[in-house]
Amino acid sequence: MSPFSFLAFMGLGPTELIVILVILLLLFGGSKLPSLAKGLGQSIKEFKNAAKDDGPTEKKTETKSDTKPGNN
């Protein structure tokens, strides 16, 4: 799935994207946008890697038979 098909699914055309980019430019300034985009890209990449690596696993904890909850 390309990013453009996702944006088309969201109903965003080229005009809407230009308006969003202009608003971002006005809010954050030209010098801050590259660092924001880099941070967002790294966050998405890290999230995808974590989602791919961490499958549905269950952690089983071993309990000792001689200990009871609350008697530590």
N, C-alpha and C. Protein backbone atom coordinates (compact mmCIF):
# COMPACT_ATOMS: atom_id res chain seq x y z
N MET A 1 0.85 -1.16 0.00
CA MET A 1 0.00 0.00 0.00
C MET A 1 0.90 1.23 0.00
N SER A 2 0.74 2.05 -1.01
CA SER A 2 1.56 3.26 -1.09
C SER A 2 0.96 4.36 -0.22
N PRO A 3 1.77 5.33 0.15
CA PRO A 3 1.24 6.43 0.98
C PRO A 3 0.13 7.21 0.27
N PHE A 4 0.21 7.28 -1.06
CA PHE A 4 -0.79 8.04 -1.79
C PHE A 4 -2.14 7.35 -1.77
N SER A 5 -2.16 6.02 -1.83
CA SER A 5 -3.44 5.33 -1.76
C SER A 5 -4.05 5.47 -0.37
N PHE A 6 -3.20 5.53 0.67
CA PHE A 6 -3.72 5.75 2.02
C PHE A 6 -4.34 7.14 2.13
N LEU A 7 -3.66 8.14 1.55
CA LEU A 7 -4.19 9.50 1.60
C LEU A 7 -5.46 9.62 0.76
N ALA A 8 -5.53 8.90 -0.34
CA ALA A 8 -6.75 8.92 -1.15
C ALA A 8 -7.89 8.28 -0.37
N PHE A 9 -7.58 7.26 0.41
CA PHE A 9 -8.58 6.62 1.25
C PHE A 9 -9.10 7.60 2.30
N MET A 10 -8.23 8.45 2.80
CA MET A 10 -8.61 9.43 3.80
C MET A 10 -9.35 10.61 3.18
N GLY A 11 -9.41 10.69 1.87
CA GLY A 11 -10.10 11.78 1.20
C GLY A 11 -9.27 13.03 1.07
N LEU A 12 -7.95 12.89 1.14
CA LEU A 12 -7.06 14.04 1.02
C LEU A 12 -6.50 14.09 -0.40
N GLY A 13 -6.76 15.20 -1.07
CA GLY A 13 -6.22 15.41 -2.40
C GLY A 13 -5.01 16.30 -2.34
N PRO A 14 -4.48 16.66 -3.50
CA PRO A 14 -3.29 17.51 -3.54
C PRO A 14 -3.53 18.89 -2.92
N THR A 15 -4.70 19.45 -3.12
CA THR A 15 -4.99 20.77 -2.57
C THR A 15 -4.99 20.74 -1.05
N GLU A 16 -5.62 19.72 -0.47
CA GLU A 16 -5.66 19.61 0.99
C GLU A 16 -4.27 19.41 1.57
N LEU A 17 -3.45 18.62 0.89
CA LEU A 17 -2.08 18.40 1.36
C LEU A 17 -1.26 19.69 1.32
N ILE A 18 -1.44 20.50 0.29
CA ILE A 18 -0.72 21.76 0.20
C ILE A 18 -1.15 22.69 1.33
N VAL A 19 -2.44 22.74 1.62
CA VAL A 19 -2.93 23.59 2.71
C VAL A 19 -2.35 23.12 4.04
N ILE A 20 -2.31 21.81 4.28
CA ILE A 20 -1.75 21.27 5.52
C ILE A 20 -0.27 21.61 5.63
N LEU A 21 0.47 21.47 4.54
CA LEU A 21 1.89 21.80 4.56
C LEU A 21 2.14 23.28 4.81
N VAL A 22 1.31 24.16 4.25
CA VAL A 22 1.46 25.59 4.49
C VAL A 22 1.18 25.91 5.96
N ILE A 23 0.16 25.30 6.52
CA ILE A 23 -0.15 25.53 7.94
C ILE A 23 1.00 25.06 8.83
N LEU A 24 1.56 23.88 8.52
CA LEU A 24 2.70 23.38 9.28
C LEU A 24 3.90 24.32 9.15
N LEU A 25 4.11 24.83 7.95
CA LEU A 25 5.22 25.76 7.74
C LEU A 25 5.03 27.03 8.55
N LEU A 26 3.81 27.53 8.62
CA LEU A 26 3.55 28.74 9.41
C LEU A 26 3.69 28.48 10.91
N LEU A 27 3.26 27.31 11.36
CA LEU A 27 3.32 27.01 12.79
C LEU A 27 4.74 26.75 13.28
N PHE A 28 5.50 25.96 12.53
CA PHE A 28 6.79 25.50 13.03
C PHE A 28 7.99 26.19 12.38
N GLY A 29 7.82 26.80 11.24
CA GLY A 29 8.94 27.45 10.57
C GLY A 29 9.72 26.45 9.72
N GLY A 30 10.44 26.98 8.76
CA GLY A 30 11.16 26.14 7.80
C GLY A 30 12.31 25.36 8.40
N SER A 31 12.94 25.89 9.43
CA SER A 31 14.11 25.21 9.99
C SER A 31 13.71 24.04 10.89
N LYS A 32 12.51 24.06 11.42
CA LYS A 32 12.09 23.02 12.36
C LYS A 32 11.43 21.83 11.66
N LEU A 33 10.88 22.03 10.45
CA LEU A 33 10.14 20.96 9.77
C LEU A 33 10.98 19.72 9.46
N PRO A 34 12.22 19.84 8.97
CA PRO A 34 12.99 18.62 8.69
C PRO A 34 13.22 17.76 9.93
N SER A 35 13.48 18.39 11.06
CA SER A 35 13.71 17.60 12.27
C SER A 35 12.42 16.96 12.75
N LEU A 36 11.28 17.64 12.58
CA LEU A 36 10.00 17.03 12.94
C LEU A 36 9.68 15.84 12.04
N ALA A 37 9.94 15.98 10.75
CA ALA A 37 9.69 14.89 9.81
C ALA A 37 10.61 13.70 10.10
N LYS A 38 11.85 13.98 10.43
CA LYS A 38 12.80 12.91 10.75
C LYS A 38 12.36 12.16 12.00
N GLY A 39 11.94 12.89 13.03
CA GLY A 39 11.47 12.25 14.25
C GLY A 39 10.22 11.42 14.02
N LEU A 40 9.30 11.93 13.20
CA LEU A 40 8.09 11.19 12.88
C LEU A 40 8.42 9.91 12.11
N GLY A 41 9.33 10.02 11.15
CA GLY A 41 9.73 8.84 10.37
C GLY A 41 10.39 7.79 11.23
N GLN A 42 11.25 8.20 12.15
CA GLN A 42 11.91 7.25 13.05
C GLN A 42 10.90 6.59 13.98
N SER A 43 9.92 7.36 14.43
CA SER A 43 8.89 6.80 15.32
C SER A 43 8.07 5.75 14.60
N ILE A 44 7.69 6.04 13.36
CA ILE A 44 6.90 5.08 12.59
C ILE A 44 7.71 3.82 12.32
N LYS A 45 8.98 3.99 11.97
CA LYS A 45 9.85 2.84 11.70
C LYS A 45 10.02 1.98 12.95
N GLU A 46 10.23 2.63 14.10
CA GLU A 46 10.39 1.90 15.35
C GLU A 46 9.11 1.16 15.74
N PHE A 47 7.97 1.79 15.51
CA PHE A 47 6.69 1.15 15.81
C PHE A 47 6.47 -0.07 14.93
N LYS A 48 6.77 0.04 13.65
CA LYS A 48 6.60 -1.09 12.73
C LYS A 48 7.52 -2.24 13.11
N ASN A 49 8.78 -1.93 13.48
CA ASN A 49 9.71 -2.98 13.88
C ASN A 49 9.24 -3.67 15.16
N ALA A 50 8.73 -2.91 16.10
CA ALA A 50 8.26 -3.48 17.35
C ALA A 50 7.02 -4.34 17.11
N ALA A 51 6.15 -3.90 16.24
CA ALA A 51 4.94 -4.66 15.95
C ALA A 51 5.28 -5.95 15.22
N LYS A 52 6.29 -5.91 14.37
CA LYS A 52 6.69 -7.09 13.62
C LYS A 52 7.42 -8.09 14.51
N ASP A 53 8.29 -7.60 15.38
CA ASP A 53 9.08 -8.47 16.24
C ASP A 53 8.25 -9.08 17.36
N ASP A 54 7.39 -8.31 17.97
CA ASP A 54 6.60 -8.78 19.10
C ASP A 54 5.30 -9.39 18.61
N GLY A 55 5.35 -10.67 18.34
CA GLY A 55 4.14 -11.38 17.97
C GLY A 55 3.31 -11.66 19.19
N PRO A 56 2.22 -12.33 19.02
CA PRO A 56 1.37 -12.64 20.18
C PRO A 56 2.03 -13.71 21.06
N THR A 57 2.77 -13.26 22.03
CA THR A 57 3.43 -14.19 22.94
C THR A 57 2.89 -13.98 24.34
N GLU A 58 2.84 -15.05 25.07
CA GLU A 58 2.40 -14.98 26.46
C GLU A 58 3.58 -15.27 27.37
N LYS A 59 3.73 -14.48 28.38
CA LYS A 59 4.78 -14.73 29.36
C LYS A 59 4.16 -15.54 30.49
N LYS A 60 4.75 -16.67 30.74
CA LYS A 60 4.27 -17.50 31.83
C LYS A 60 5.19 -17.29 33.02
N THR A 61 4.60 -16.93 34.12
CA THR A 61 5.39 -16.73 35.33
C THR A 61 5.30 -17.97 36.19
N GLU A 62 6.43 -18.32 36.72
CA GLU A 62 6.47 -19.48 37.60
C GLU A 62 6.24 -19.02 39.03
N THR A 63 5.36 -19.70 39.71
CA THR A 63 5.10 -19.37 41.10
C THR A 63 5.61 -20.51 41.97
N LYS A 64 6.14 -20.14 43.09
CA LYS A 64 6.62 -21.14 44.02
C LYS A 64 5.44 -21.59 44.88
N SER A 65 5.40 -22.87 45.20
CA SER A 65 4.25 -23.38 45.95
C SER A 65 4.31 -23.00 47.42
N ASP A 66 5.50 -22.65 47.92
CA ASP A 66 5.59 -22.34 49.36
C ASP A 66 5.34 -20.86 49.66
N THR A 67 5.20 -20.00 48.64
CA THR A 67 4.91 -18.59 48.91
C THR A 67 3.46 -18.30 48.60
N LYS A 68 2.90 -17.45 49.40
CA LYS A 68 1.52 -17.04 49.21
C LYS A 68 1.48 -15.54 48.97
N PRO A 69 0.51 -15.06 48.21
CA PRO A 69 0.43 -13.62 48.01
C PRO A 69 0.20 -12.89 49.32
N GLY A 70 0.94 -11.81 49.51
CA GLY A 70 0.79 -11.00 50.70
C GLY A 70 1.69 -11.42 51.85
N ASN A 71 2.38 -12.53 51.77
CA ASN A 71 3.26 -12.99 52.84
C ASN A 71 4.72 -12.85 52.42
N ASN A 72 5.11 -11.67 52.07
CA ASN A 72 6.49 -11.46 51.62
C ASN A 72 7.36 -11.03 52.73
